[in-house]
All heavy atoms as atom14 arrays in JSON, in Angstrom:
{
  "sequence": "GLLALTLIIAPGRSLPPLIATCAALASLAALVLFRLSYFG",
  "atom14_mask": [
    [1, 1, 1, 1, 0, 0, 0, 0, 0, 0, 0, 0, 0, 0],
    [1, 1, 1, 1, 1, 1, 1, 1, 0, 0, 0, 0, 0, 0],
    [1, 1, 1, 1, 1, 1, 1, 1, 0, 0, 0, 0, 0, 0],
    [1, 1, 1, 1, 1, 0, 0, 0, 0, 0, 0, 0, 0, 0],
    [1, 1, 1, 1, 1, 1, 1, 1, 0, 0, 0, 0, 0, 0],
    [1, 1, 1, 1, 1, 1, 1, 0, 0, 0, 0, 0, 0, 0],
    [1, 1, 1, 1, 1, 1, 1, 1, 0, 0, 0, 0, 0, 0],
    [1, 1, 1, 1, 1, 1, 1, 1, 0, 0, 0, 0, 0, 0],
    [1, 1, 1, 1, 1, 1, 1, 1, 0, 0, 0, 0, 0, 0],
    [1, 1, 1, 1, 1, 0, 0, 0, 0, 0, 0, 0, 0, 0],
    [1, 1, 1, 1, 1, 1, 1, 0, 0, 0, 0, 0, 0, 0],
    [1, 1, 1, 1, 0, 0, 0, 0, 0, 0, 0, 0, 0, 0],
    [1, 1, 1, 1, 1, 1, 1, 1, 1, 1, 1, 0, 0, 0],
    [1, 1, 1, 1, 1, 1, 0, 0, 0, 0, 0, 0, 0, 0],
    [1, 1, 1, 1, 1, 1, 1, 1, 0, 0, 0, 0, 0, 0],
    [1, 1, 1, 1, 1, 1, 1, 0, 0, 0, 0, 0, 0, 0],
    [1, 1, 1, 1, 1, 1, 1, 0, 0, 0, 0, 0, 0, 0],
    [1, 1, 1, 1, 1, 1, 1, 1, 0, 0, 0, 0, 0, 0],
    [1, 1, 1, 1, 1, 1, 1, 1, 0, 0, 0, 0, 0, 0],
    [1, 1, 1, 1, 1, 0, 0, 0, 0, 0, 0, 0, 0, 0],
    [1, 1, 1, 1, 1, 1, 1, 0, 0, 0, 0, 0, 0, 0],
    [1, 1, 1, 1, 1, 1, 0, 0, 0, 0, 0, 0, 0, 0],
    [1, 1, 1, 1, 1, 0, 0, 0, 0, 0, 0, 0, 0, 0],
    [1, 1, 1, 1, 1, 0, 0, 0, 0, 0, 0, 0, 0, 0],
    [1, 1, 1, 1, 1, 1, 1, 1, 0, 0, 0, 0, 0, 0],
    [1, 1, 1, 1, 1, 0, 0, 0, 0, 0, 0, 0, 0, 0],
    [1, 1, 1, 1, 1, 1, 0, 0, 0, 0, 0, 0, 0, 0],
    [1, 1, 1, 1, 1, 1, 1, 1, 0, 0, 0, 0, 0, 0],
    [1, 1, 1, 1, 1, 0, 0, 0, 0, 0, 0, 0, 0, 0],
    [1, 1, 1, 1, 1, 0, 0, 0, 0, 0, 0, 0, 0, 0],
    [1, 1, 1, 1, 1, 1, 1, 1, 0, 0, 0, 0, 0, 0],
    [1, 1, 1, 1, 1, 1, 1, 0, 0, 0, 0, 0, 0, 0],
    [1, 1, 1, 1, 1, 1, 1, 1, 0, 0, 0, 0, 0, 0],
    [1, 1, 1, 1, 1, 1, 1, 1, 1, 1, 1, 0, 0, 0],
    [1, 1, 1, 1, 1, 1, 1, 1, 1, 1, 1, 0, 0, 0],
    [1, 1, 1, 1, 1, 1, 1, 1, 0, 0, 0, 0, 0, 0],
    [1, 1, 1, 1, 1, 1, 0, 0, 0, 0, 0, 0, 0, 0],
    [1, 1, 1, 1, 1, 1, 1, 1, 1, 1, 1, 1, 0, 0],
    [1, 1, 1, 1, 1, 1, 1, 1, 1, 1, 1, 0, 0, 0],
    [1, 1, 1, 1, 0, 0, 0, 0, 0, 0, 0, 0, 0, 0]
  ],
  "atom14_positions": [
    [[2.3, -7.43, 1.03], [2.98, -8.56, 1.66], [4.49, -8.41, 1.64], [5.16, -8.63, 2.67], [0.0, 0.0, 0.0], [0.0, 0.0, 0.0], [0.0, 0.0, 0.0], [0.0, 0.0, 0.0], [0.0, 0.0, 0.0], [0.0, 0.0, 0.0], [0.0, 0.0, 0.0], [0.0, 0.0, 0.0], [0.0, 0.0, 0.0], [0.0, 0.0, 0.0]],
    [[5.05, -8.05, 0.5], [6.5, -7.9, 0.39], [7.01, -6.72, 1.22], [8.07, -6.8, 1.85], [6.91, -7.73, -1.08], [6.72, -8.95, -1.97], [7.12, -8.63, -3.41], [7.53, -10.13, -1.47], [0.0, 0.0, 0.0], [0.0, 0.0, 0.0], [0.0, 0.0, 0.0], [0.0, 0.0, 0.0], [0.0, 0.0, 0.0], [0.0, 0.0, 0.0]],
    [[6.25, -5.63, 1.22], [6.67, -4.47, 2.0], [6.57, -4.74, 3.49], [7.4, -4.28, 4.28], [5.83, -3.26, 1.61], [6.09, -2.73, 0.19], [5.01, -1.72, -0.22], [7.47, -2.09, 0.09], [0.0, 0.0, 0.0], [0.0, 0.0, 0.0], [0.0, 0.0, 0.0], [0.0, 0.0, 0.0], [0.0, 0.0, 0.0], [0.0, 0.0, 0.0]],
    [[5.55, -5.49, 3.9], [5.44, -5.87, 5.31], [6.61, -6.75, 5.72], [7.16, -6.61, 6.83], [4.11, -6.59, 5.56], [0.0, 0.0, 0.0], [0.0, 0.0, 0.0], [0.0, 0.0, 0.0], [0.0, 0.0, 0.0], [0.0, 0.0, 0.0], [0.0, 0.0, 0.0], [0.0, 0.0, 0.0], [0.0, 0.0, 0.0], [0.0, 0.0, 0.0]],
    [[6.99, -7.68, 4.84], [8.16, -8.51, 5.13], [9.41, -7.66, 5.26], [10.26, -7.92, 6.12], [8.33, -9.55, 4.02], [9.55, -10.47, 4.13], [9.46, -11.33, 5.39], [9.67, -11.35, 2.88], [0.0, 0.0, 0.0], [0.0, 0.0, 0.0], [0.0, 0.0, 0.0], [0.0, 0.0, 0.0], [0.0, 0.0, 0.0], [0.0, 0.0, 0.0]],
    [[9.52, -6.65, 4.42], [10.67, -5.74, 4.49], [10.72, -5.03, 5.84], [11.8, -4.85, 6.42], [10.6, -4.71, 3.35], [10.48, -5.39, 2.1], [11.85, -3.85, 3.33], [0.0, 0.0, 0.0], [0.0, 0.0, 0.0], [0.0, 0.0, 0.0], [0.0, 0.0, 0.0], [0.0, 0.0, 0.0], [0.0, 0.0, 0.0], [0.0, 0.0, 0.0]],
    [[9.57, -4.63, 6.35], [9.52, -3.98, 7.66], [10.0, -4.92, 8.77], [10.67, -4.5, 9.71], [8.09, -3.51, 7.95], [7.56, -2.35, 7.1], [6.07, -2.16, 7.35], [8.32, -1.08, 7.4], [0.0, 0.0, 0.0], [0.0, 0.0, 0.0], [0.0, 0.0, 0.0], [0.0, 0.0, 0.0], [0.0, 0.0, 0.0], [0.0, 0.0, 0.0]],
    [[9.66, -6.21, 8.62], [10.08, -7.19, 9.63], [11.58, -7.47, 9.53], [12.29, -7.54, 10.54], [9.28, -8.5, 9.45], [7.8, -8.25, 9.72], [9.81, -9.59, 10.37], [6.9, -9.42, 9.37], [0.0, 0.0, 0.0], [0.0, 0.0, 0.0], [0.0, 0.0, 0.0], [0.0, 0.0, 0.0], [0.0, 0.0, 0.0], [0.0, 0.0, 0.0]],
    [[12.06, -7.61, 8.31], [13.48, -7.94, 8.1], [14.37, -6.78, 8.52], [15.43, -6.99, 9.15], [13.72, -8.27, 6.61], [13.01, -9.56, 6.23], [15.23, -8.4, 6.33], [13.1, -9.87, 4.75], [0.0, 0.0, 0.0], [0.0, 0.0, 0.0], [0.0, 0.0, 0.0], [0.0, 0.0, 0.0], [0.0, 0.0, 0.0], [0.0, 0.0, 0.0]],
    [[13.99, -5.57, 8.17], [14.86, -4.4, 8.41], [14.08, -3.31, 9.13], [13.7, -2.29, 8.54], [15.4, -3.89, 7.08], [0.0, 0.0, 0.0], [0.0, 0.0, 0.0], [0.0, 0.0, 0.0], [0.0, 0.0, 0.0], [0.0, 0.0, 0.0], [0.0, 0.0, 0.0], [0.0, 0.0, 0.0], [0.0, 0.0, 0.0], [0.0, 0.0, 0.0]],
    [[13.8, -3.51, 10.43], [13.05, -2.49, 11.17], [13.75, -1.14, 11.24], [13.1, -0.12, 11.4], [12.9, -3.12, 12.56], [14.0, -4.13, 12.65], [14.19, -4.65, 11.26], [0.0, 0.0, 0.0], [0.0, 0.0, 0.0], [0.0, 0.0, 0.0], [0.0, 0.0, 0.0], [0.0, 0.0, 0.0], [0.0, 0.0, 0.0], [0.0, 0.0, 0.0]],
    [[15.07, -1.14, 11.07], [15.8, 0.11, 11.1], [15.68, 0.91, 9.82], [16.13, 2.06, 9.75], [0.0, 0.0, 0.0], [0.0, 0.0, 0.0], [0.0, 0.0, 0.0], [0.0, 0.0, 0.0], [0.0, 0.0, 0.0], [0.0, 0.0, 0.0], [0.0, 0.0, 0.0], [0.0, 0.0, 0.0], [0.0, 0.0, 0.0], [0.0, 0.0, 0.0]],
    [[15.08, 0.3, 8.79], [14.88, 0.98, 7.5], [13.39, 1.02, 7.18], [12.98, 0.81, 6.04], [15.63, 0.23, 6.39], [17.13, 0.1, 6.63], [17.76, -0.9, 5.67], [19.21, -0.97, 5.89], [20.13, -0.71, 4.97], [19.75, -0.36, 3.76], [21.41, -0.8, 5.25], [0.0, 0.0, 0.0], [0.0, 0.0, 0.0], [0.0, 0.0, 0.0]],
    [[12.57, 1.29, 8.15], [11.14, 1.05, 8.04], [10.35, 2.16, 7.35], [9.29, 1.9, 6.78], [10.54, 0.83, 9.44], [10.78, 1.97, 10.25], [0.0, 0.0, 0.0], [0.0, 0.0, 0.0], [0.0, 0.0, 0.0], [0.0, 0.0, 0.0], [0.0, 0.0, 0.0], [0.0, 0.0, 0.0], [0.0, 0.0, 0.0], [0.0, 0.0, 0.0]],
    [[10.84, 3.39, 7.38], [10.0, 4.49, 6.88], [9.71, 4.39, 5.37], [8.54, 4.54, 4.97], [10.66, 5.83, 7.22], [9.75, 7.06, 7.08], [8.45, 6.87, 7.87], [10.47, 8.32, 7.53], [0.0, 0.0, 0.0], [0.0, 0.0, 0.0], [0.0, 0.0, 0.0], [0.0, 0.0, 0.0], [0.0, 0.0, 0.0], [0.0, 0.0, 0.0]],
    [[10.7, 4.18, 4.5], [10.37, 4.07, 3.06], [9.38, 2.96, 2.73], [8.4, 3.21, 2.0], [11.74, 3.85, 2.41], [12.71, 4.47, 3.35], [12.17, 4.2, 4.71], [0.0, 0.0, 0.0], [0.0, 0.0, 0.0], [0.0, 0.0, 0.0], [0.0, 0.0, 0.0], [0.0, 0.0, 0.0], [0.0, 0.0, 0.0], [0.0, 0.0, 0.0]],
    [[9.56, 1.7, 3.24], [8.54, 0.69, 2.93], [7.19, 0.98, 3.57], [6.15, 0.6, 3.02], [9.15, -0.61, 3.48], [10.23, -0.21, 4.41], [10.73, 1.11, 3.92], [0.0, 0.0, 0.0], [0.0, 0.0, 0.0], [0.0, 0.0, 0.0], [0.0, 0.0, 0.0], [0.0, 0.0, 0.0], [0.0, 0.0, 0.0], [0.0, 0.0, 0.0]],
    [[7.19, 1.67, 4.72], [5.91, 2.02, 5.34], [5.15, 3.03, 4.48], [3.93, 2.89, 4.26], [6.16, 2.6, 6.74], [4.91, 2.91, 7.57], [4.1, 1.65, 7.79], [5.3, 3.55, 8.9], [0.0, 0.0, 0.0], [0.0, 0.0, 0.0], [0.0, 0.0, 0.0], [0.0, 0.0, 0.0], [0.0, 0.0, 0.0], [0.0, 0.0, 0.0]],
    [[5.86, 4.02, 3.97], [5.24, 5.0, 3.07], [4.76, 4.31, 1.79], [3.66, 4.58, 1.29], [6.23, 6.13, 2.75], [6.52, 6.95, 4.0], [5.69, 7.02, 1.63], [7.6, 8.0, 3.81], [0.0, 0.0, 0.0], [0.0, 0.0, 0.0], [0.0, 0.0, 0.0], [0.0, 0.0, 0.0], [0.0, 0.0, 0.0], [0.0, 0.0, 0.0]],
    [[5.57, 3.39, 1.28], [5.19, 2.66, 0.06], [3.95, 1.8, 0.3], [3.08, 1.68, -0.57], [6.35, 1.8, -0.42], [0.0, 0.0, 0.0], [0.0, 0.0, 0.0], [0.0, 0.0, 0.0], [0.0, 0.0, 0.0], [0.0, 0.0, 0.0], [0.0, 0.0, 0.0], [0.0, 0.0, 0.0], [0.0, 0.0, 0.0], [0.0, 0.0, 0.0]],
    [[3.84, 1.19, 1.49], [2.65, 0.4, 1.82], [1.4, 1.27, 1.82], [0.36, 0.89, 1.28], [2.83, -0.26, 3.2], [3.98, -1.11, 3.19], [1.61, -1.09, 3.56], [0.0, 0.0, 0.0], [0.0, 0.0, 0.0], [0.0, 0.0, 0.0], [0.0, 0.0, 0.0], [0.0, 0.0, 0.0], [0.0, 0.0, 0.0], [0.0, 0.0, 0.0]],
    [[1.5, 2.44, 2.43], [0.37, 3.37, 2.42], [0.01, 3.79, 0.99], [-1.18, 3.92, 0.65], [0.71, 4.6, 3.26], [0.92, 4.26, 5.02], [0.0, 0.0, 0.0], [0.0, 0.0, 0.0], [0.0, 0.0, 0.0], [0.0, 0.0, 0.0], [0.0, 0.0, 0.0], [0.0, 0.0, 0.0], [0.0, 0.0, 0.0], [0.0, 0.0, 0.0]],
    [[1.02, 3.96, 0.15], [0.77, 4.32, -1.25], [0.06, 3.2, -1.99], [-0.84, 3.46, -2.81], [2.09, 4.66, -1.94], [0.0, 0.0, 0.0], [0.0, 0.0, 0.0], [0.0, 0.0, 0.0], [0.0, 0.0, 0.0], [0.0, 0.0, 0.0], [0.0, 0.0, 0.0], [0.0, 0.0, 0.0], [0.0, 0.0, 0.0], [0.0, 0.0, 0.0]],
    [[0.44, 1.94, -1.71], [-0.23, 0.8, -2.35], [-1.7, 0.75, -1.95], [-2.58, 0.52, -2.79], [0.49, -0.5, -1.97], [0.0, 0.0, 0.0], [0.0, 0.0, 0.0], [0.0, 0.0, 0.0], [0.0, 0.0, 0.0], [0.0, 0.0, 0.0], [0.0, 0.0, 0.0], [0.0, 0.0, 0.0], [0.0, 0.0, 0.0], [0.0, 0.0, 0.0]],
    [[-1.97, 0.96, -0.67], [-3.35, 0.93, -0.19], [-4.14, 2.11, -0.75], [-5.33, 1.97, -1.1], [-3.37, 0.94, 1.33], [-2.76, -0.29, 2.01], [-2.72, -0.11, 3.52], [-3.54, -1.55, 1.65], [0.0, 0.0, 0.0], [0.0, 0.0, 0.0], [0.0, 0.0, 0.0], [0.0, 0.0, 0.0], [0.0, 0.0, 0.0], [0.0, 0.0, 0.0]],
    [[-3.51, 3.27, -0.85], [-4.18, 4.44, -1.43], [-4.48, 4.21, -2.91], [-5.54, 4.59, -3.41], [-3.31, 5.68, -1.24], [0.0, 0.0, 0.0], [0.0, 0.0, 0.0], [0.0, 0.0, 0.0], [0.0, 0.0, 0.0], [0.0, 0.0, 0.0], [0.0, 0.0, 0.0], [0.0, 0.0, 0.0], [0.0, 0.0, 0.0], [0.0, 0.0, 0.0]],
    [[-3.53, 3.59, -3.61], [-3.73, 3.28, -5.02], [-4.9, 2.33, -5.21], [-5.74, 2.51, -6.09], [-2.45, 2.67, -5.59], [-2.6, 2.32, -6.95], [0.0, 0.0, 0.0], [0.0, 0.0, 0.0], [0.0, 0.0, 0.0], [0.0, 0.0, 0.0], [0.0, 0.0, 0.0], [0.0, 0.0, 0.0], [0.0, 0.0, 0.0], [0.0, 0.0, 0.0]],
    [[-4.96, 1.31, -4.35], [-6.08, 0.37, -4.4], [-7.4, 1.08, -4.11], [-8.4, 0.85, -4.8], [-5.85, -0.77, -3.41], [-7.02, -1.75, -3.26], [-7.21, -2.54, -4.55], [-6.8, -2.69, -2.08], [0.0, 0.0, 0.0], [0.0, 0.0, 0.0], [0.0, 0.0, 0.0], [0.0, 0.0, 0.0], [0.0, 0.0, 0.0], [0.0, 0.0, 0.0]],
    [[-7.41, 1.93, -3.09], [-8.64, 2.64, -2.72], [-9.15, 3.5, -3.87], [-10.35, 3.53, -4.17], [-8.39, 3.48, -1.47], [0.0, 0.0, 0.0], [0.0, 0.0, 0.0], [0.0, 0.0, 0.0], [0.0, 0.0, 0.0], [0.0, 0.0, 0.0], [0.0, 0.0, 0.0], [0.0, 0.0, 0.0], [0.0, 0.0, 0.0], [0.0, 0.0, 0.0]],
    [[-8.24, 4.21, -4.53], [-8.63, 5.06, -5.66], [-9.22, 4.22, -6.79], [-10.22, 4.59, -7.41], [-7.43, 5.86, -6.15], [0.0, 0.0, 0.0], [0.0, 0.0, 0.0], [0.0, 0.0, 0.0], [0.0, 0.0, 0.0], [0.0, 0.0, 0.0], [0.0, 0.0, 0.0], [0.0, 0.0, 0.0], [0.0, 0.0, 0.0], [0.0, 0.0, 0.0]],
    [[-8.59, 3.06, -7.06], [-9.08, 2.19, -8.12], [-10.45, 1.61, -7.78], [-11.34, 1.54, -8.64], [-8.07, 1.06, -8.37], [-8.4, 0.08, -9.48], [-8.5, 0.8, -10.82], [-7.36, -1.03, -9.56], [0.0, 0.0, 0.0], [0.0, 0.0, 0.0], [0.0, 0.0, 0.0], [0.0, 0.0, 0.0], [0.0, 0.0, 0.0], [0.0, 0.0, 0.0]],
    [[-10.64, 1.2, -6.54], [-11.92, 0.64, -6.12], [-13.02, 1.69, -6.21], [-14.15, 1.41, -6.66], [-11.82, 0.08, -4.69], [-13.2, -0.25, -4.13], [-10.95, -1.17, -4.67], [0.0, 0.0, 0.0], [0.0, 0.0, 0.0], [0.0, 0.0, 0.0], [0.0, 0.0, 0.0], [0.0, 0.0, 0.0], [0.0, 0.0, 0.0], [0.0, 0.0, 0.0]],
    [[-12.72, 2.92, -5.8], [-13.72, 4.0, -5.91], [-14.11, 4.24, -7.36], [-15.29, 4.47, -7.68], [-13.17, 5.28, -5.28], [-13.06, 5.28, -3.75], [-12.38, 6.55, -3.26], [-14.45, 5.16, -3.11], [0.0, 0.0, 0.0], [0.0, 0.0, 0.0], [0.0, 0.0, 0.0], [0.0, 0.0, 0.0], [0.0, 0.0, 0.0], [0.0, 0.0, 0.0]],
    [[-13.11, 4.18, -8.26], [-13.42, 4.34, -9.69], [-14.31, 3.21, -10.18], [-15.3, 3.44, -10.89], [-12.13, 4.39, -10.5], [-12.35, 4.25, -11.98], [-12.84, 5.3, -12.73], [-12.1, 3.04, -12.63], [-13.06, 5.18, -14.08], [-12.32, 2.9, -13.98], [-12.8, 3.97, -14.73], [0.0, 0.0, 0.0], [0.0, 0.0, 0.0], [0.0, 0.0, 0.0]],
    [[-13.98, 1.98, -9.8], [-14.79, 0.84, -10.24], [-16.21, 0.95, -9.71], [-17.18, 0.65, -10.42], [-14.15, -0.47, -9.78], [-12.87, -0.86, -10.51], [-12.3, -2.12, -9.9], [-11.04, -2.54, -10.51], [-10.08, -3.15, -9.85], [-10.22, -3.42, -8.56], [-8.96, -3.51, -10.47], [0.0, 0.0, 0.0], [0.0, 0.0, 0.0], [0.0, 0.0, 0.0]],
    [[-16.34, 1.33, -8.46], [-17.68, 1.46, -7.88], [-18.51, 2.52, -8.6], [-19.71, 2.34, -8.83], [-17.58, 1.8, -6.39], [-17.11, 0.67, -5.46], [-16.85, 1.2, -4.06], [-18.13, -0.46, -5.43], [0.0, 0.0, 0.0], [0.0, 0.0, 0.0], [0.0, 0.0, 0.0], [0.0, 0.0, 0.0], [0.0, 0.0, 0.0], [0.0, 0.0, 0.0]],
    [[-17.87, 3.62, -8.97], [-18.6, 4.69, -9.65], [-18.91, 4.34, -11.11], [-19.94, 4.75, -11.64], [-17.79, 5.99, -9.6], [-16.57, 5.86, -10.32], [0.0, 0.0, 0.0], [0.0, 0.0, 0.0], [0.0, 0.0, 0.0], [0.0, 0.0, 0.0], [0.0, 0.0, 0.0], [0.0, 0.0, 0.0], [0.0, 0.0, 0.0], [0.0, 0.0, 0.0]],
    [[-18.04, 3.54, -11.73], [-18.21, 3.24, -13.16], [-18.96, 1.93, -13.38], [-19.88, 1.88, -14.19], [-16.83, 3.19, -13.82], [-16.89, 3.13, -15.33], [-17.03, 4.3, -16.08], [-16.8, 1.93, -16.02], [-17.09, 4.26, -17.46], [-16.86, 1.87, -17.4], [-16.99, 3.04, -18.12], [-17.06, 3.0, -19.49], [0.0, 0.0, 0.0], [0.0, 0.0, 0.0]],
    [[-18.53, 0.86, -12.64], [-19.13, -0.47, -12.85], [-20.17, -0.81, -11.79], [-21.05, -1.62, -12.03], [-18.05, -1.55, -12.82], [-16.98, -1.39, -13.87], [-15.71, -0.97, -13.54], [-17.25, -1.66, -15.2], [-14.73, -0.82, -14.49], [-16.27, -1.51, -16.17], [-15.01, -1.08, -15.81], [0.0, 0.0, 0.0], [0.0, 0.0, 0.0], [0.0, 0.0, 0.0]],
    [[-20.0, -0.23, -10.59], [-20.89, -0.57, -9.5], [-20.37, -1.7, -8.63], [-21.05, -2.13, -7.69], [0.0, 0.0, 0.0], [0.0, 0.0, 0.0], [0.0, 0.0, 0.0], [0.0, 0.0, 0.0], [0.0, 0.0, 0.0], [0.0, 0.0, 0.0], [0.0, 0.0, 0.0], [0.0, 0.0, 0.0], [0.0, 0.0, 0.0], [0.0, 0.0, 0.0]]
  ]
}
């Protein structure tokens, strides 16, 4: 949410927050895969 707001506020500085957003989603995906394999 905060990174998306940053993209809206400063479209000319979009690449770093865009990469960070992808990293947040990748981090979540890795954690969910671990939970699914360990806890179900």
